[in-house]
Amino acid sequence: MHGEKLFYLGNVYFRYNRCYVWGEHYKQMFLSLKAEATQFRIEIPESFNVDVENNFRKEYYSDYKYYLQIYDEAQLKSIIESLNFIVKNGQIYKFRPHPRFSNIKLLEELVDKSIIEYPKDVPILESIASTKHVIGSYTTVLNQAYYANIDVIFDDVTYKDTFDKLGDLNYIFAKEDTNKLSQYVK
């Protein structure tokens, strides 16, 4: 399995000698799409094995980290506003822009650079291990945090339509029992 998979017509009726999937959720989804049942092997990728104890770095710590993807100015302003609850609770947060897809210049215009965790400066495993809560939308980082037993929060405030659409496509973190940012924002 390479990358996140969704309930999608391009994933129907397939058969390989072996098909490695990230977990039971994916196996069941593919079976519901009529993939051949005996091919599946559940194997968690090495990049999902975040050793929190060994990768934790105090200098990278924040209570919450928002893992950004592609965004426009309105979306970024919405994200910033939705994180006010963290500061009100006396906690800290950081933004980690995506190294290729995020508009870092826009981010630097809207927030203090001290709360930006630059990907070139902080390895991803150390980033994830150095927080209690990971916030994002459609990103593999949520899976990495989940397997490391770090709290995962889907941003259904800025990305409500995305959350609803991804739920229809059986995205693993667009479910009713997923922690949602709207539960924290008052």
N, C-alpha and C. Protein backbone atom coordinates (compact mmCIF):
# COMPACT_ATOMS: atom_id res chain seq x y z
N MET A 1 0.86 -1.17 0.00
CA MET A 1 0.00 0.00 0.00
C MET A 1 0.90 1.23 0.00
N HIS A 2 0.69 2.09 -0.95
CA HIS A 2 1.46 3.32 -1.03
C HIS A 2 0.50 4.50 -0.96
N GLY A 3 0.55 5.23 0.14
CA GLY A 3 -0.35 6.36 0.31
C GLY A 3 -1.72 5.94 0.80
N GLU A 4 -2.47 6.93 1.26
CA GLU A 4 -3.81 6.71 1.79
C GLU A 4 -4.73 6.18 0.69
N LYS A 5 -5.57 5.23 1.04
CA LYS A 5 -6.54 4.67 0.09
C LYS A 5 -7.94 4.98 0.57
N LEU A 6 -8.83 5.18 -0.41
CA LEU A 6 -10.22 5.54 -0.14
C LEU A 6 -11.16 4.59 -0.86
N PHE A 7 -12.41 4.64 -0.48
CA PHE A 7 -13.46 3.86 -1.12
C PHE A 7 -13.72 4.50 -2.48
N TYR A 8 -13.08 3.93 -3.49
CA TYR A 8 -13.00 4.58 -4.79
C TYR A 8 -13.07 3.51 -5.88
N LEU A 9 -13.77 3.80 -6.96
CA LEU A 9 -13.95 2.82 -8.03
C LEU A 9 -12.63 2.31 -8.60
N GLY A 10 -11.59 3.10 -8.56
CA GLY A 10 -10.30 2.66 -9.05
C GLY A 10 -9.68 1.56 -8.20
N ASN A 11 -10.29 1.27 -7.06
CA ASN A 11 -9.76 0.25 -6.14
C ASN A 11 -10.63 -1.01 -6.10
N VAL A 12 -11.44 -1.25 -7.13
CA VAL A 12 -12.34 -2.41 -7.10
C VAL A 12 -11.72 -3.62 -7.80
N TYR A 13 -12.16 -4.79 -7.38
CA TYR A 13 -11.89 -6.08 -8.04
C TYR A 13 -10.41 -6.36 -8.32
N PHE A 14 -9.52 -5.94 -7.46
CA PHE A 14 -8.11 -6.19 -7.77
C PHE A 14 -7.61 -7.47 -7.12
N ARG A 15 -6.54 -8.00 -7.71
CA ARG A 15 -5.92 -9.21 -7.18
C ARG A 15 -4.44 -9.18 -7.48
N TYR A 16 -3.65 -9.38 -6.42
CA TYR A 16 -2.20 -9.50 -6.53
C TYR A 16 -1.78 -10.79 -5.83
N ASN A 17 -0.54 -11.16 -5.98
CA ASN A 17 -0.04 -12.30 -5.20
C ASN A 17 -0.14 -11.97 -3.72
N ARG A 18 0.28 -10.75 -3.37
CA ARG A 18 0.16 -10.24 -2.01
C ARG A 18 -0.15 -8.76 -2.08
N CYS A 19 -0.96 -8.32 -1.16
CA CYS A 19 -1.27 -6.90 -1.05
C CYS A 19 -1.08 -6.51 0.42
N TYR A 20 -0.09 -5.67 0.65
CA TYR A 20 0.20 -5.22 2.01
C TYR A 20 -0.62 -3.96 2.30
N VAL A 21 -1.34 -3.99 3.42
CA VAL A 21 -2.17 -2.85 3.81
C VAL A 21 -1.78 -2.40 5.22
N TRP A 22 -2.13 -1.15 5.54
CA TRP A 22 -1.71 -0.52 6.79
C TRP A 22 -2.50 -0.99 8.00
N GLY A 23 -3.60 -1.69 7.81
CA GLY A 23 -4.39 -2.13 8.95
C GLY A 23 -5.68 -2.80 8.50
N GLU A 24 -6.41 -3.31 9.48
CA GLU A 24 -7.67 -4.02 9.22
C GLU A 24 -8.69 -3.12 8.52
N HIS A 25 -8.70 -1.84 8.85
CA HIS A 25 -9.63 -0.90 8.19
C HIS A 25 -9.49 -0.99 6.67
N TYR A 26 -8.28 -0.98 6.18
CA TYR A 26 -8.03 -0.99 4.73
C TYR A 26 -8.39 -2.34 4.12
N LYS A 27 -8.05 -3.39 4.82
CA LYS A 27 -8.42 -4.72 4.33
C LYS A 27 -9.93 -4.82 4.17
N GLN A 28 -10.67 -4.42 5.17
CA GLN A 28 -12.14 -4.50 5.11
C GLN A 28 -12.70 -3.60 4.01
N MET A 29 -12.11 -2.43 3.83
CA MET A 29 -12.59 -1.54 2.77
C MET A 29 -12.38 -2.18 1.40
N PHE A 30 -11.19 -2.76 1.18
CA PHE A 30 -10.93 -3.41 -0.11
C PHE A 30 -11.81 -4.62 -0.32
N LEU A 31 -12.08 -5.36 0.74
CA LEU A 31 -12.99 -6.50 0.61
C LEU A 31 -14.39 -6.03 0.22
N SER A 32 -14.83 -4.91 0.77
CA SER A 32 -16.14 -4.38 0.39
C SER A 32 -16.14 -3.89 -1.05
N LEU A 33 -14.96 -3.62 -1.59
CA LEU A 33 -14.82 -3.25 -3.01
C LEU A 33 -14.56 -4.48 -3.89
N LYS A 34 -14.76 -5.65 -3.30
CA LYS A 34 -14.69 -6.94 -4.00
C LYS A 34 -13.29 -7.33 -4.45
N ALA A 35 -12.28 -6.88 -3.70
CA ALA A 35 -10.93 -7.37 -3.97
C ALA A 35 -10.83 -8.81 -3.50
N GLU A 36 -9.91 -9.57 -4.08
CA GLU A 36 -9.74 -10.97 -3.73
C GLU A 36 -9.23 -11.07 -2.29
N ALA A 37 -9.87 -11.93 -1.49
CA ALA A 37 -9.70 -11.91 -0.03
C ALA A 37 -8.37 -12.48 0.48
N THR A 38 -7.77 -13.44 -0.21
CA THR A 38 -6.60 -14.12 0.36
C THR A 38 -5.28 -13.37 0.16
N GLN A 39 -5.29 -12.26 -0.53
CA GLN A 39 -4.05 -11.56 -0.87
C GLN A 39 -3.52 -10.64 0.24
N PHE A 40 -4.32 -10.33 1.22
CA PHE A 40 -3.98 -9.25 2.16
C PHE A 40 -3.04 -9.68 3.28
N ARG A 41 -2.06 -8.81 3.53
CA ARG A 41 -1.16 -8.92 4.66
C ARG A 41 -1.15 -7.55 5.34
N ILE A 42 -1.38 -7.55 6.62
CA ILE A 42 -1.34 -6.28 7.36
C ILE A 42 0.09 -6.06 7.83
N GLU A 43 0.65 -4.95 7.41
CA GLU A 43 2.01 -4.61 7.81
C GLU A 43 2.10 -3.09 7.93
N ILE A 44 2.49 -2.66 9.10
CA ILE A 44 2.61 -1.23 9.36
C ILE A 44 3.95 -0.76 8.81
N PRO A 45 3.96 0.30 7.98
CA PRO A 45 5.23 0.78 7.43
C PRO A 45 6.18 1.25 8.52
N GLU A 46 7.46 1.13 8.26
CA GLU A 46 8.48 1.56 9.22
C GLU A 46 8.29 3.02 9.61
N SER A 47 7.86 3.85 8.67
CA SER A 47 7.67 5.28 8.95
C SER A 47 6.52 5.53 9.93
N PHE A 48 5.68 4.52 10.17
CA PHE A 48 4.59 4.64 11.13
C PHE A 48 5.02 4.23 12.53
N ASN A 49 6.18 3.66 12.65
CA ASN A 49 6.69 3.22 13.94
C ASN A 49 7.48 4.34 14.59
N VAL A 50 6.77 5.33 15.07
CA VAL A 50 7.40 6.47 15.72
C VAL A 50 7.74 6.07 17.15
N ASP A 51 9.00 5.96 17.44
CA ASP A 51 9.46 5.63 18.78
C ASP A 51 9.47 6.93 19.58
N VAL A 52 8.38 7.17 20.28
CA VAL A 52 8.20 8.44 20.98
C VAL A 52 9.30 8.65 22.01
N GLU A 53 9.63 7.62 22.74
CA GLU A 53 10.64 7.77 23.80
C GLU A 53 12.01 8.18 23.23
N ASN A 54 12.41 7.56 22.15
CA ASN A 54 13.73 7.85 21.58
C ASN A 54 13.75 9.06 20.64
N ASN A 55 12.59 9.42 20.09
CA ASN A 55 12.54 10.55 19.15
C ASN A 55 12.09 11.86 19.79
N PHE A 56 11.63 11.81 21.03
CA PHE A 56 11.20 13.04 21.70
C PHE A 56 12.37 14.00 21.86
N ARG A 57 12.11 15.28 21.52
CA ARG A 57 13.10 16.34 21.71
C ARG A 57 12.41 17.51 22.38
N LYS A 58 12.88 17.84 23.58
CA LYS A 58 12.29 18.93 24.35
C LYS A 58 12.27 20.24 23.55
N GLU A 59 13.32 20.50 22.79
CA GLU A 59 13.40 21.76 22.04
C GLU A 59 12.36 21.85 20.92
N TYR A 60 11.75 20.75 20.54
CA TYR A 60 10.71 20.75 19.50
C TYR A 60 9.30 20.60 20.08
N TYR A 61 9.20 20.53 21.39
CA TYR A 61 7.92 20.23 22.02
C TYR A 61 6.90 21.36 21.86
N SER A 62 5.67 20.96 21.66
CA SER A 62 4.50 21.82 21.83
C SER A 62 3.33 20.91 22.17
N ASP A 63 2.36 21.45 22.88
CA ASP A 63 1.20 20.64 23.27
C ASP A 63 0.43 20.15 22.05
N TYR A 64 0.32 21.03 21.05
CA TYR A 64 -0.40 20.74 19.81
C TYR A 64 0.49 21.10 18.63
N LYS A 65 0.38 20.31 17.55
CA LYS A 65 1.03 20.65 16.29
C LYS A 65 0.01 20.50 15.18
N TYR A 66 -0.06 21.54 14.38
CA TYR A 66 -0.94 21.51 13.23
C TYR A 66 -0.09 21.22 12.00
N TYR A 67 -0.36 20.12 11.34
CA TYR A 67 0.38 19.72 10.14
C TYR A 67 -0.38 20.22 8.92
N LEU A 68 0.18 21.26 8.33
CA LEU A 68 -0.46 21.96 7.22
C LEU A 68 -0.23 21.23 5.90
N GLN A 69 -1.15 21.43 4.99
CA GLN A 69 -1.06 20.92 3.63
C GLN A 69 -1.12 22.11 2.68
N ILE A 70 -1.98 22.03 1.69
CA ILE A 70 -2.24 23.14 0.78
C ILE A 70 -3.33 24.00 1.42
N TYR A 71 -3.18 25.32 1.36
CA TYR A 71 -4.18 26.21 1.93
C TYR A 71 -4.11 27.55 1.21
N ASP A 72 -5.23 28.25 1.27
CA ASP A 72 -5.23 29.63 0.79
C ASP A 72 -5.30 30.54 2.01
N GLU A 73 -5.33 31.84 1.79
CA GLU A 73 -5.29 32.78 2.91
C GLU A 73 -6.50 32.63 3.83
N ALA A 74 -7.68 32.49 3.25
CA ALA A 74 -8.89 32.35 4.06
C ALA A 74 -8.83 31.08 4.92
N GLN A 75 -8.37 29.99 4.35
CA GLN A 75 -8.26 28.74 5.11
C GLN A 75 -7.24 28.89 6.24
N LEU A 76 -6.11 29.50 5.94
CA LEU A 76 -5.08 29.66 6.96
C LEU A 76 -5.58 30.55 8.10
N LYS A 77 -6.29 31.62 7.78
CA LYS A 77 -6.85 32.48 8.83
C LYS A 77 -7.86 31.70 9.68
N SER A 78 -8.65 30.85 9.06
CA SER A 78 -9.60 30.02 9.79
C SER A 78 -8.87 29.06 10.74
N ILE A 79 -7.80 28.46 10.25
CA ILE A 79 -7.01 27.54 11.08
C ILE A 79 -6.44 28.28 12.29
N ILE A 80 -5.85 29.44 12.04
CA ILE A 80 -5.25 30.23 13.12
C ILE A 80 -6.30 30.58 14.17
N GLU A 81 -7.45 31.03 13.72
CA GLU A 81 -8.53 31.40 14.64
C GLU A 81 -9.02 30.19 15.44
N SER A 82 -9.11 29.05 14.79
CA SER A 82 -9.63 27.86 15.47
C SER A 82 -8.69 27.35 16.56
N LEU A 83 -7.43 27.77 16.53
CA LEU A 83 -6.47 27.30 17.53
C LEU A 83 -6.39 28.21 18.75
N ASN A 84 -7.21 29.23 18.83
CA ASN A 84 -7.21 30.14 19.98
C ASN A 84 -7.48 29.42 21.30
N PHE A 85 -8.22 28.32 21.26
CA PHE A 85 -8.53 27.59 22.50
C PHE A 85 -7.25 27.10 23.18
N ILE A 86 -6.23 26.83 22.41
CA ILE A 86 -4.98 26.31 22.96
C ILE A 86 -4.31 27.36 23.84
N VAL A 87 -4.20 28.56 23.31
CA VAL A 87 -3.57 29.66 24.06
C VAL A 87 -4.42 30.02 25.28
N LYS A 88 -5.73 30.03 25.11
CA LYS A 88 -6.63 30.33 26.24
C LYS A 88 -6.46 29.34 27.38
N ASN A 89 -6.06 28.11 27.04
CA ASN A 89 -5.85 27.08 28.06
C ASN A 89 -4.41 27.06 28.57
N GLY A 90 -3.62 28.08 28.20
CA GLY A 90 -2.25 28.17 28.69
C GLY A 90 -1.29 27.17 28.06
N GLN A 91 -1.65 26.67 26.90
CA GLN A 91 -0.79 25.70 26.21
C GLN A 91 -0.18 26.34 24.97
N ILE A 92 0.71 25.61 24.34
CA ILE A 92 1.36 26.14 23.15
C ILE A 92 1.11 25.24 21.95
N TYR A 93 1.20 25.86 20.77
CA TYR A 93 1.06 25.10 19.54
C TYR A 93 2.08 25.60 18.52
N LYS A 94 2.30 24.75 17.53
CA LYS A 94 3.17 25.09 16.42
C LYS A 94 2.51 24.65 15.13
N PHE A 95 2.90 25.31 14.07
CA PHE A 95 2.50 24.89 12.73
C PHE A 95 3.68 24.19 12.08
N ARG A 96 3.40 23.09 11.43
CA ARG A 96 4.43 22.45 10.61
C ARG A 96 3.92 22.45 9.18
N PRO A 97 4.50 23.32 8.36
CA PRO A 97 4.07 23.35 6.95
C PRO A 97 4.57 22.13 6.20
N HIS A 98 3.82 21.74 5.20
CA HIS A 98 4.26 20.66 4.33
C HIS A 98 5.45 21.18 3.52
N PRO A 99 6.51 20.39 3.39
CA PRO A 99 7.72 20.89 2.73
C PRO A 99 7.53 21.27 1.26
N ARG A 100 6.55 20.69 0.58
CA ARG A 100 6.34 21.03 -0.84
C ARG A 100 5.06 21.79 -1.10
N PHE A 101 4.01 21.52 -0.35
CA PHE A 101 2.70 22.03 -0.71
C PHE A 101 2.26 23.28 0.04
N SER A 102 2.87 23.57 1.16
CA SER A 102 2.45 24.73 1.96
C SER A 102 3.07 26.01 1.43
N ASN A 103 2.29 27.07 1.54
CA ASN A 103 2.76 28.41 1.19
C ASN A 103 3.41 29.01 2.45
N ILE A 104 4.69 28.78 2.61
CA ILE A 104 5.39 29.19 3.82
C ILE A 104 5.45 30.70 3.93
N LYS A 105 5.58 31.37 2.80
CA LYS A 105 5.63 32.84 2.82
C LYS A 105 4.34 33.41 3.41
N LEU A 106 3.20 32.89 2.99
CA LEU A 106 1.92 33.34 3.54
C LEU A 106 1.84 33.03 5.03
N LEU A 107 2.28 31.84 5.43
CA LEU A 107 2.27 31.47 6.84
C LEU A 107 3.11 32.45 7.65
N GLU A 108 4.29 32.80 7.16
CA GLU A 108 5.17 33.73 7.87
C GLU A 108 4.58 35.14 7.96
N GLU A 109 3.72 35.49 7.01
CA GLU A 109 3.04 36.79 7.06
C GLU A 109 1.96 36.84 8.14
N LEU A 110 1.37 35.68 8.46
CA LEU A 110 0.22 35.65 9.36
C LEU A 110 0.53 35.19 10.78
N VAL A 111 1.64 34.51 10.99
CA VAL A 111 1.98 34.06 12.34
C VAL A 111 3.45 34.35 12.62
N ASP A 112 3.78 34.40 13.90
CA ASP A 112 5.16 34.61 14.32
C ASP A 112 6.00 33.39 13.93
N LYS A 113 7.18 33.64 13.42
CA LYS A 113 8.05 32.55 12.99
C LYS A 113 8.41 31.59 14.12
N SER A 114 8.31 32.05 15.35
CA SER A 114 8.67 31.20 16.49
C SER A 114 7.71 30.02 16.67
N ILE A 115 6.52 30.08 16.06
CA ILE A 115 5.58 28.96 16.17
C ILE A 115 5.52 28.14 14.88
N ILE A 116 6.47 28.37 14.00
CA ILE A 116 6.57 27.56 12.78
C ILE A 116 7.69 26.55 12.97
N GLU A 117 7.36 25.31 12.74
CA GLU A 117 8.35 24.24 12.78
C GLU A 117 8.73 23.91 11.34
N TYR A 118 9.88 24.37 10.93
CA TYR A 118 10.30 24.20 9.54
C TYR A 118 10.77 22.77 9.29
N PRO A 119 10.21 22.12 8.27
CA PRO A 119 10.55 20.72 8.00
C PRO A 119 12.04 20.48 7.75
N LYS A 120 12.74 21.47 7.21
CA LYS A 120 14.17 21.29 6.94
C LYS A 120 14.98 21.28 8.24
N ASP A 121 14.39 21.81 9.32
CA ASP A 121 15.10 21.90 10.60
C ASP A 121 14.74 20.80 11.59
N VAL A 122 13.57 20.20 11.43
CA VAL A 122 13.09 19.21 12.40
C VAL A 122 12.63 17.96 11.66
N PRO A 123 13.29 16.83 11.88
CA PRO A 123 12.86 15.58 11.24
C PRO A 123 11.42 15.23 11.65
N ILE A 124 10.69 14.62 10.73
CA ILE A 124 9.27 14.36 10.95
C ILE A 124 9.03 13.45 12.16
N LEU A 125 9.83 12.43 12.36
CA LEU A 125 9.60 11.53 13.49
C LEU A 125 9.82 12.24 14.82
N GLU A 126 10.81 13.12 14.86
CA GLU A 126 11.04 13.90 16.08
C GLU A 126 9.93 14.92 16.29
N SER A 127 9.40 15.45 15.21
CA SER A 127 8.28 16.38 15.31
C SER A 127 7.07 15.71 15.93
N ILE A 128 6.71 14.56 15.40
CA ILE A 128 5.53 13.85 15.88
C ILE A 128 5.72 13.40 17.33
N ALA A 129 6.90 12.90 17.65
CA ALA A 129 7.17 12.40 19.00
C ALA A 129 7.18 13.50 20.04
N SER A 130 7.30 14.75 19.60
CA SER A 130 7.47 15.87 20.53
C SER A 130 6.20 16.70 20.68
N THR A 131 5.06 16.03 20.63
CA THR A 131 3.78 16.70 20.87
C THR A 131 2.80 15.73 21.49
N LYS A 132 1.73 16.26 22.07
CA LYS A 132 0.68 15.42 22.64
C LYS A 132 -0.51 15.27 21.70
N HIS A 133 -0.70 16.28 20.83
CA HIS A 133 -1.87 16.31 19.95
C HIS A 133 -1.45 16.71 18.54
N VAL A 134 -1.84 15.91 17.56
CA VAL A 134 -1.57 16.19 16.16
C VAL A 134 -2.88 16.60 15.50
N ILE A 135 -2.86 17.76 14.85
CA ILE A 135 -4.05 18.27 14.16
C ILE A 135 -3.76 18.33 12.67
N GLY A 136 -4.73 17.97 11.86
CA GLY A 136 -4.57 18.04 10.41
C GLY A 136 -5.85 17.62 9.73
N SER A 137 -5.76 17.47 8.42
CA SER A 137 -6.92 16.98 7.68
C SER A 137 -6.52 15.70 6.96
N TYR A 138 -6.37 15.75 5.68
CA TYR A 138 -6.08 14.54 4.90
C TYR A 138 -4.56 14.40 4.78
N THR A 139 -3.93 13.81 5.78
CA THR A 139 -2.48 13.70 5.81
C THR A 139 -2.04 12.40 6.47
N THR A 140 -0.99 11.83 5.95
CA THR A 140 -0.43 10.59 6.50
C THR A 140 0.08 10.78 7.92
N VAL A 141 0.42 12.01 8.29
CA VAL A 141 0.91 12.28 9.64
C VAL A 141 -0.12 11.83 10.68
N LEU A 142 -1.40 11.94 10.37
CA LEU A 142 -2.42 11.48 11.32
C LEU A 142 -2.24 9.98 11.59
N ASN A 143 -1.96 9.20 10.55
CA ASN A 143 -1.71 7.77 10.74
C ASN A 143 -0.47 7.54 11.58
N GLN A 144 0.59 8.28 11.29
CA GLN A 144 1.83 8.12 12.06
C GLN A 144 1.58 8.41 13.54
N ALA A 145 0.86 9.47 13.82
CA ALA A 145 0.55 9.82 15.22
C ALA A 145 -0.34 8.75 15.85
N TYR A 146 -1.33 8.30 15.13
CA TYR A 146 -2.25 7.28 15.64
C TYR A 146 -1.49 6.03 16.09
N TYR A 147 -0.59 5.54 15.24
CA TYR A 147 0.16 4.33 15.58
C TYR A 147 1.17 4.57 16.70
N ALA A 148 1.50 5.84 16.97
CA ALA A 148 2.40 6.17 18.09
C ALA A 148 1.61 6.48 19.36
N ASN A 149 0.30 6.28 19.32
CA ASN A 149 -0.59 6.56 20.46
C ASN A 149 -0.58 8.03 20.86
N ILE A 150 -0.46 8.89 19.87
CA ILE A 150 -0.57 10.33 20.07
C ILE A 150 -1.96 10.74 19.62
N ASP A 151 -2.58 11.63 20.37
CA ASP A 151 -3.94 12.08 20.08
C ASP A 151 -4.02 12.69 18.69
N VAL A 152 -4.99 12.23 17.90
CA VAL A 152 -5.23 12.71 16.54
C VAL A 152 -6.50 13.54 16.53
N ILE A 153 -6.41 14.74 15.93
CA ILE A 153 -7.56 15.64 15.83
C ILE A 153 -7.72 16.04 14.37
N PHE A 154 -8.87 15.72 13.80
CA PHE A 154 -9.16 16.10 12.41
C PHE A 154 -9.75 17.51 12.41
N ASP A 155 -9.22 18.36 11.56
CA ASP A 155 -9.74 19.73 11.45
C ASP A 155 -11.02 19.73 10.62
N ASP A 156 -12.13 19.62 11.31
CA ASP A 156 -13.44 19.69 10.66
C ASP A 156 -14.04 21.09 10.77
N VAL A 157 -13.24 22.06 11.22
CA VAL A 157 -13.69 23.45 11.28
C VAL A 157 -13.40 24.10 9.93
N THR A 158 -12.14 24.18 9.57
CA THR A 158 -11.76 24.76 8.29
C THR A 158 -12.12 23.83 7.15
N TYR A 159 -12.03 22.53 7.39
CA TYR A 159 -12.23 21.55 6.32
C TYR A 159 -13.47 20.69 6.56
N LYS A 160 -14.57 21.32 6.93
CA LYS A 160 -15.81 20.58 7.19
C LYS A 160 -16.29 19.81 5.96
N ASP A 161 -16.32 20.48 4.81
CA ASP A 161 -16.76 19.80 3.58
C ASP A 161 -15.84 18.63 3.25
N THR A 162 -14.55 18.82 3.45
CA THR A 162 -13.58 17.76 3.20
C THR A 162 -13.85 16.59 4.14
N PHE A 163 -14.09 16.88 5.42
CA PHE A 163 -14.38 15.84 6.40
C PHE A 163 -15.61 15.03 5.96
N ASP A 164 -16.66 15.73 5.55
CA ASP A 164 -17.88 15.05 5.13
C ASP A 164 -17.64 14.18 3.89
N LYS A 165 -16.92 14.72 2.91
CA LYS A 165 -16.63 13.96 1.68
C LYS A 165 -15.74 12.76 1.97
N LEU A 166 -14.72 12.98 2.80
CA LEU A 166 -13.83 11.87 3.13
C LEU A 166 -14.56 10.79 3.92
N GLY A 167 -15.56 11.18 4.71
CA GLY A 167 -16.38 10.19 5.41
C GLY A 167 -17.10 9.30 4.43
N ASP A 168 -17.63 9.89 3.38
CA ASP A 168 -18.31 9.11 2.33
C ASP A 168 -17.36 8.16 1.62
N LEU A 169 -16.06 8.51 1.61
CA LEU A 169 -15.05 7.69 0.93
C LEU A 169 -14.31 6.74 1.88
N ASN A 170 -14.82 6.64 3.13
CA ASN A 170 -14.29 5.70 4.13
C ASN A 170 -12.87 6.04 4.58
N TYR A 171 -12.55 7.33 4.62
CA TYR A 171 -11.25 7.75 5.15
C TYR A 171 -11.20 7.40 6.63
N ILE A 172 -10.12 6.81 7.05
CA ILE A 172 -10.01 6.24 8.39
C ILE A 172 -10.22 7.27 9.50
N PHE A 173 -9.90 8.54 9.26
CA PHE A 173 -10.06 9.55 10.31
C PHE A 173 -11.26 10.47 10.08
N ALA A 174 -12.13 10.12 9.18
CA ALA A 174 -13.35 10.90 8.97
C ALA A 174 -14.54 10.09 9.45
N LYS A 175 -14.43 9.67 10.69
CA LYS A 175 -15.48 8.85 11.30
C LYS A 175 -16.06 9.58 12.50
N GLU A 176 -17.17 9.10 12.95
CA GLU A 176 -17.86 9.72 14.08
C GLU A 176 -17.02 9.72 15.35
N ASP A 177 -16.25 8.65 15.59
CA ASP A 177 -15.50 8.56 16.83
C ASP A 177 -14.12 9.25 16.78
N THR A 178 -13.78 9.85 15.66
CA THR A 178 -12.52 10.60 15.55
C THR A 178 -12.63 11.90 16.35
N ASN A 179 -11.55 12.26 17.04
CA ASN A 179 -11.53 13.58 17.69
C ASN A 179 -11.55 14.64 16.59
N LYS A 180 -12.44 15.59 16.76
CA LYS A 180 -12.60 16.64 15.75
C LYS A 180 -12.30 17.99 16.40
N LEU A 181 -11.71 18.87 15.61
CA LEU A 181 -11.34 20.19 16.12
C LEU A 181 -12.56 20.95 16.61
N SER A 182 -13.70 20.74 15.99
CA SER A 182 -14.93 21.44 16.40
C SER A 182 -15.30 21.10 17.85
N GLN A 183 -14.83 19.99 18.37
CA GLN A 183 -15.11 19.62 19.76
C GLN A 183 -14.31 20.48 20.75
N TYR A 184 -13.24 21.08 20.29
CA TYR A 184 -12.37 21.87 21.14
C TYR A 184 -12.64 23.36 21.03
N VAL A 185 -13.08 23.80 19.86
CA VAL A 185 -13.31 25.21 19.59
C VAL A 185 -14.64 25.62 20.22
N LYS A 186 -14.59 26.64 21.03
CA LYS A 186 -15.83 27.10 21.71
C LYS A 186 -16.27 28.42 21.12
